[in-house]
Amino acid sequence: FETTYKTWSAAKREYCCAHFQMGCKVMNFNCAVDLSDWQDKWSEKKKSWCCKTQGK
């Protein structure tokens, strides 16, 4: 599977990552860090990733 997702379109990877946690880019975001002040401290990428993958 690891190499299969690389052939997917960006839209397919984004959809599958958001809905099935498959094809996601590996990111090392810890969604628990600074959770109480996420609006000011998290980057846009971290906000998006934590929202899509962790529901935060």
PDB file of N, CA and C in Angstrom:
ATOM      1  N   PHE A   1       0.818  -1.199   0.000  1.00  0.00           N
ATOM      2  CA  PHE A   1       0.000   0.000   0.000  1.00  0.00           C
ATOM      3  C   PHE A   1       0.856   1.255   0.000  1.00  0.00           C
ATOM      4  N   GLU A   2       1.950   1.247   0.682  1.00  0.00           N
ATOM      5  CA  GLU A   2       2.785   2.441   0.836  1.00  0.00           C
ATOM      6  C   GLU A   2       3.136   3.084  -0.501  1.00  0.00           C
ATOM      7  N   THR A   3       3.403   2.291  -1.518  1.00  0.00           N
ATOM      8  CA  THR A   3       3.742   2.877  -2.814  1.00  0.00           C
ATOM      9  C   THR A   3       2.509   3.128  -3.671  1.00  0.00           C
ATOM     10  N   THR A   4       1.430   2.440  -3.416  1.00  0.00           N
ATOM     11  CA  THR A   4       0.212   2.600  -4.210  1.00  0.00           C
ATOM     12  C   THR A   4      -0.359   4.004  -4.094  1.00  0.00           C
ATOM     13  N   TYR A   5      -0.425   4.558  -2.895  1.00  0.00           N
ATOM     14  CA  TYR A   5      -1.038   5.868  -2.727  1.00  0.00           C
ATOM     15  C   TYR A   5      -0.280   6.957  -3.467  1.00  0.00           C
ATOM     16  N   LYS A   6       0.985   6.748  -3.750  1.00  0.00           N
ATOM     17  CA  LYS A   6       1.781   7.752  -4.461  1.00  0.00           C
ATOM     18  C   LYS A   6       1.301   7.950  -5.894  1.00  0.00           C
ATOM     19  N   THR A   7       0.579   6.991  -6.435  1.00  0.00           N
ATOM     20  CA  THR A   7       0.059   7.122  -7.796  1.00  0.00           C
ATOM     21  C   THR A   7      -1.312   7.796  -7.816  1.00  0.00           C
ATOM     22  N   TRP A   8      -1.913   8.015  -6.653  1.00  0.00           N
ATOM     23  CA  TRP A   8      -3.224   8.644  -6.570  1.00  0.00           C
ATOM     24  C   TRP A   8      -3.118  10.140  -6.846  1.00  0.00           C
ATOM     25  N   SER A   9      -4.202  10.722  -7.322  1.00  0.00           N
ATOM     26  CA  SER A   9      -4.255  12.172  -7.499  1.00  0.00           C
ATOM     27  C   SER A   9      -4.267  12.833  -6.116  1.00  0.00           C
ATOM     28  N   ALA A  10      -3.932  14.107  -6.087  1.00  0.00           N
ATOM     29  CA  ALA A  10      -3.938  14.842  -4.821  1.00  0.00           C
ATOM     30  C   ALA A  10      -5.340  14.845  -4.209  1.00  0.00           C
ATOM     31  N   ALA A  11      -6.356  14.980  -5.057  1.00  0.00           N
ATOM     32  CA  ALA A  11      -7.736  14.996  -4.560  1.00  0.00           C
ATOM     33  C   ALA A  11      -8.108  13.660  -3.916  1.00  0.00           C
ATOM     34  N   LYS A  12      -7.692  12.564  -4.541  1.00  0.00           N
ATOM     35  CA  LYS A  12      -7.998  11.244  -3.987  1.00  0.00           C
ATOM     36  C   LYS A  12      -7.266  11.034  -2.669  1.00  0.00           C
ATOM     37  N   ARG A  13      -5.991  11.433  -2.600  1.00  0.00           N
ATOM     38  CA  ARG A  13      -5.231  11.296  -1.352  1.00  0.00           C
ATOM     39  C   ARG A  13      -5.889  12.104  -0.238  1.00  0.00           C
ATOM     40  N   GLU A  14      -6.296  13.331  -0.550  1.00  0.00           N
ATOM     41  CA  GLU A  14      -6.913  14.190   0.456  1.00  0.00           C
ATOM     42  C   GLU A  14      -8.226  13.591   0.953  1.00  0.00           C
ATOM     43  N   TYR A  15      -9.044  13.101   0.031  1.00  0.00           N
ATOM     44  CA  TYR A  15     -10.322  12.493   0.403  1.00  0.00           C
ATOM     45  C   TYR A  15     -10.104  11.247   1.262  1.00  0.00           C
ATOM     46  N   CYS A  16      -9.232  10.369   0.803  1.00  0.00           N
ATOM     47  CA  CYS A  16      -8.994   9.117   1.530  1.00  0.00           C
ATOM     48  C   CYS A  16      -8.353   9.371   2.890  1.00  0.00           C
ATOM     49  N   CYS A  17      -7.494  10.368   2.963  1.00  0.00           N
ATOM     50  CA  CYS A  17      -6.880  10.710   4.243  1.00  0.00           C
ATOM     51  C   CYS A  17      -7.945  11.221   5.210  1.00  0.00           C
ATOM     52  N   ALA A  18      -8.789  12.133   4.734  1.00  0.00           N
ATOM     53  CA  ALA A  18      -9.806  12.736   5.592  1.00  0.00           C
ATOM     54  C   ALA A  18     -10.862  11.734   6.046  1.00  0.00           C
ATOM     55  N   HIS A  19     -11.213  10.782   5.169  1.00  0.00           N
ATOM     56  CA  HIS A  19     -12.307   9.873   5.486  1.00  0.00           C
ATOM     57  C   HIS A  19     -11.872   8.499   5.997  1.00  0.00           C
ATOM     58  N   PHE A  20     -10.687   8.055   5.597  1.00  0.00           N
ATOM     59  CA  PHE A  20     -10.262   6.692   5.941  1.00  0.00           C
ATOM     60  C   PHE A  20      -8.871   6.625   6.568  1.00  0.00           C
ATOM     61  N   GLN A  21      -8.201   7.790   6.740  1.00  0.00           N
ATOM     62  CA  GLN A  21      -6.830   7.859   7.254  1.00  0.00           C
ATOM     63  C   GLN A  21      -5.889   6.985   6.420  1.00  0.00           C
ATOM     64  N   MET A  22      -6.097   6.992   5.114  1.00  0.00           N
ATOM     65  CA  MET A  22      -5.243   6.256   4.176  1.00  0.00           C
ATOM     66  C   MET A  22      -4.697   7.247   3.160  1.00  0.00           C
ATOM     67  N   GLY A  23      -3.432   7.080   2.781  1.00  0.00           N
ATOM     68  CA  GLY A  23      -2.829   7.947   1.785  1.00  0.00           C
ATOM     69  C   GLY A  23      -2.395   9.290   2.335  1.00  0.00           C
ATOM     70  N   CYS A  24      -2.416   9.432   3.642  1.00  0.00           N
ATOM     71  CA  CYS A  24      -2.038  10.704   4.259  1.00  0.00           C
ATOM     72  C   CYS A  24      -0.532  10.909   4.178  1.00  0.00           C
ATOM     73  N   LYS A  25      -0.157  12.153   4.034  1.00  0.00           N
ATOM     74  CA  LYS A  25       1.256  12.475   4.154  1.00  0.00           C
ATOM     75  C   LYS A  25       1.623  12.258   5.619  1.00  0.00           C
ATOM     76  N   VAL A  26       2.800  11.774   5.845  1.00  0.00           N
ATOM     77  CA  VAL A  26       3.244  11.549   7.216  1.00  0.00           C
ATOM     78  C   VAL A  26       3.598  12.899   7.826  1.00  0.00           C
ATOM     79  N   MET A  27       2.919  13.233   8.878  1.00  0.00           N
ATOM     80  CA  MET A  27       3.190  14.476   9.589  1.00  0.00           C
ATOM     81  C   MET A  27       3.339  14.134  11.055  1.00  0.00           C
ATOM     82  N   ASN A  28       4.178  14.868  11.709  1.00  0.00           N
ATOM     83  CA  ASN A  28       4.443  14.601  13.113  1.00  0.00           C
ATOM     84  C   ASN A  28       3.771  15.634  14.008  1.00  0.00           C
ATOM     85  N   PHE A  29       2.507  15.898  13.752  1.00  0.00           N
ATOM     86  CA  PHE A  29       1.781  16.842  14.586  1.00  0.00           C
ATOM     87  C   PHE A  29       1.221  16.120  15.804  1.00  0.00           C
ATOM     88  N   ASN A  30       1.442  16.703  16.954  1.00  0.00           N
ATOM     89  CA  ASN A  30       0.842  16.209  18.185  1.00  0.00           C
ATOM     90  C   ASN A  30      -0.311  17.148  18.502  1.00  0.00           C
ATOM     91  N   CYS A  31      -1.510  16.683  18.276  1.00  0.00           N
ATOM     92  CA  CYS A  31      -2.690  17.535  18.415  1.00  0.00           C
ATOM     93  C   CYS A  31      -3.028  17.855  19.868  1.00  0.00           C
ATOM     94  N   ALA A  32      -2.358  17.240  20.809  1.00  0.00           N
ATOM     95  CA  ALA A  32      -2.594  17.538  22.218  1.00  0.00           C
ATOM     96  C   ALA A  32      -1.758  18.730  22.692  1.00  0.00           C
ATOM     97  N   VAL A  33      -0.668  19.018  21.995  1.00  0.00           N
ATOM     98  CA  VAL A  33       0.217  20.114  22.391  1.00  0.00           C
ATOM     99  C   VAL A  33      -0.449  21.448  22.064  1.00  0.00           C
ATOM    100  N   ASP A  34      -0.525  22.325  23.046  1.00  0.00           N
ATOM    101  CA  ASP A  34      -1.124  23.661  22.908  1.00  0.00           C
ATOM    102  C   ASP A  34      -2.592  23.612  22.494  1.00  0.00           C
ATOM    103  N   LEU A  35      -3.277  22.537  22.811  1.00  0.00           N
ATOM    104  CA  LEU A  35      -4.678  22.397  22.425  1.00  0.00           C
ATOM    105  C   LEU A  35      -5.538  23.518  23.001  1.00  0.00           C
ATOM    106  N   SER A  36      -5.243  23.957  24.217  1.00  0.00           N
ATOM    107  CA  SER A  36      -6.057  25.003  24.847  1.00  0.00           C
ATOM    108  C   SER A  36      -5.896  26.365  24.168  1.00  0.00           C
ATOM    109  N   ASP A  37      -4.819  26.541  23.403  1.00  0.00           N
ATOM    110  CA  ASP A  37      -4.554  27.814  22.714  1.00  0.00           C
ATOM    111  C   ASP A  37      -4.272  27.570  21.232  1.00  0.00           C
ATOM    112  N   TRP A  38      -4.973  26.598  20.644  1.00  0.00           N
ATOM    113  CA  TRP A  38      -4.697  26.160  19.275  1.00  0.00           C
ATOM    114  C   TRP A  38      -4.868  27.257  18.242  1.00  0.00           C
ATOM    115  N   GLN A  39      -5.813  28.157  18.445  1.00  0.00           N
ATOM    116  CA  GLN A  39      -6.071  29.193  17.444  1.00  0.00           C
ATOM    117  C   GLN A  39      -4.875  30.114  17.245  1.00  0.00           C
ATOM    118  N   ASP A  40      -4.135  30.376  18.298  1.00  0.00           N
ATOM    119  CA  ASP A  40      -2.986  31.273  18.208  1.00  0.00           C
ATOM    120  C   ASP A  40      -1.661  30.556  17.983  1.00  0.00           C
ATOM    121  N   LYS A  41      -1.550  29.320  18.450  1.00  0.00           N
ATOM    122  CA  LYS A  41      -0.247  28.656  18.435  1.00  0.00           C
ATOM    123  C   LYS A  41      -0.041  27.657  17.310  1.00  0.00           C
ATOM    124  N   TRP A  42      -1.106  27.103  16.735  1.00  0.00           N
ATOM    125  CA  TRP A  42      -0.953  26.089  15.695  1.00  0.00           C
ATOM    126  C   TRP A  42      -0.800  26.730  14.322  1.00  0.00           C
ATOM    127  N   SER A  43       0.026  26.123  13.487  1.00  0.00           N
ATOM    128  CA  SER A  43       0.145  26.548  12.087  1.00  0.00           C
ATOM    129  C   SER A  43      -1.129  26.148  11.343  1.00  0.00           C
ATOM    130  N   GLU A  44      -1.333  26.722  10.171  1.00  0.00           N
ATOM    131  CA  GLU A  44      -2.508  26.362   9.370  1.00  0.00           C
ATOM    132  C   GLU A  44      -2.471  24.882   8.986  1.00  0.00           C
ATOM    133  N   LYS A  45      -1.281  24.364   8.695  1.00  0.00           N
ATOM    134  CA  LYS A  45      -1.159  22.943   8.346  1.00  0.00           C
ATOM    135  C   LYS A  45      -1.544  22.061   9.523  1.00  0.00           C
ATOM    136  N   LYS A  46      -1.098  22.439  10.712  1.00  0.00           N
ATOM    137  CA  LYS A  46      -1.435  21.643  11.898  1.00  0.00           C
ATOM    138  C   LYS A  46      -2.928  21.722  12.176  1.00  0.00           C
ATOM    139  N   LYS A  47      -3.519  22.896  12.047  1.00  0.00           N
ATOM    140  CA  LYS A  47      -4.962  23.048  12.260  1.00  0.00           C
ATOM    141  C   LYS A  47      -5.735  22.136  11.316  1.00  0.00           C
ATOM    142  N   SER A  48      -5.366  22.173  10.061  1.00  0.00           N
ATOM    143  CA  SER A  48      -6.053  21.368   9.057  1.00  0.00           C
ATOM    144  C   SER A  48      -5.891  19.880   9.337  1.00  0.00           C
ATOM    145  N   TRP A  49      -4.662  19.458   9.617  1.00  0.00           N
ATOM    146  CA  TRP A  49      -4.381  18.042   9.849  1.00  0.00           C
ATOM    147  C   TRP A  49      -5.113  17.539  11.088  1.00  0.00           C
ATOM    148  N   CYS A  50      -5.035  18.299  12.184  1.00  0.00           N
ATOM    149  CA  CYS A  50      -5.688  17.864  13.421  1.00  0.00           C
ATOM    150  C   CYS A  50      -7.206  17.835  13.266  1.00  0.00           C
ATOM    151  N   CYS A  51      -7.749  18.773  12.505  1.00  0.00           N
ATOM    152  CA  CYS A  51      -9.195  18.786  12.266  1.00  0.00           C
ATOM    153  C   CYS A  51      -9.615  17.567  11.452  1.00  0.00           C
ATOM    154  N   LYS A  52      -8.899  17.304  10.372  1.00  0.00           N
ATOM    155  CA  LYS A  52      -9.272  16.210   9.471  1.00  0.00           C
ATOM    156  C   LYS A  52      -9.031  14.833  10.072  1.00  0.00           C
ATOM    157  N   THR A  53      -7.920  14.679  10.776  1.00  0.00           N
ATOM    158  CA  THR A  53      -7.554  13.338  11.225  1.00  0.00           C
ATOM    159  C   THR A  53      -7.905  13.040  12.673  1.00  0.00           C
ATOM    160  N   GLN A  54      -8.030  14.079  13.488  1.00  0.00           N
ATOM    161  CA  GLN A  54      -8.283  13.864  14.912  1.00  0.00           C
ATOM    162  C   GLN A  54      -9.590  14.485  15.385  1.00  0.00           C
ATOM    163  N   GLY A  55     -10.245  15.230  14.511  1.00  0.00           N
ATOM    164  CA  GLY A  55     -11.487  15.890  14.897  1.00  0.00           C
ATOM    165  C   GLY A  55     -11.285  17.008  15.899  1.00  0.00           C
ATOM    166  N   LYS A  56     -10.092  17.617  15.875  1.00  0.00           N
ATOM    167  CA  LYS A  56      -9.781  18.707  16.827  1.00  0.00           C
ATOM    168  C   LYS A  56      -9.565  19.990  16.076  1.00  0.00           C
TER     169      LYS A  56
END
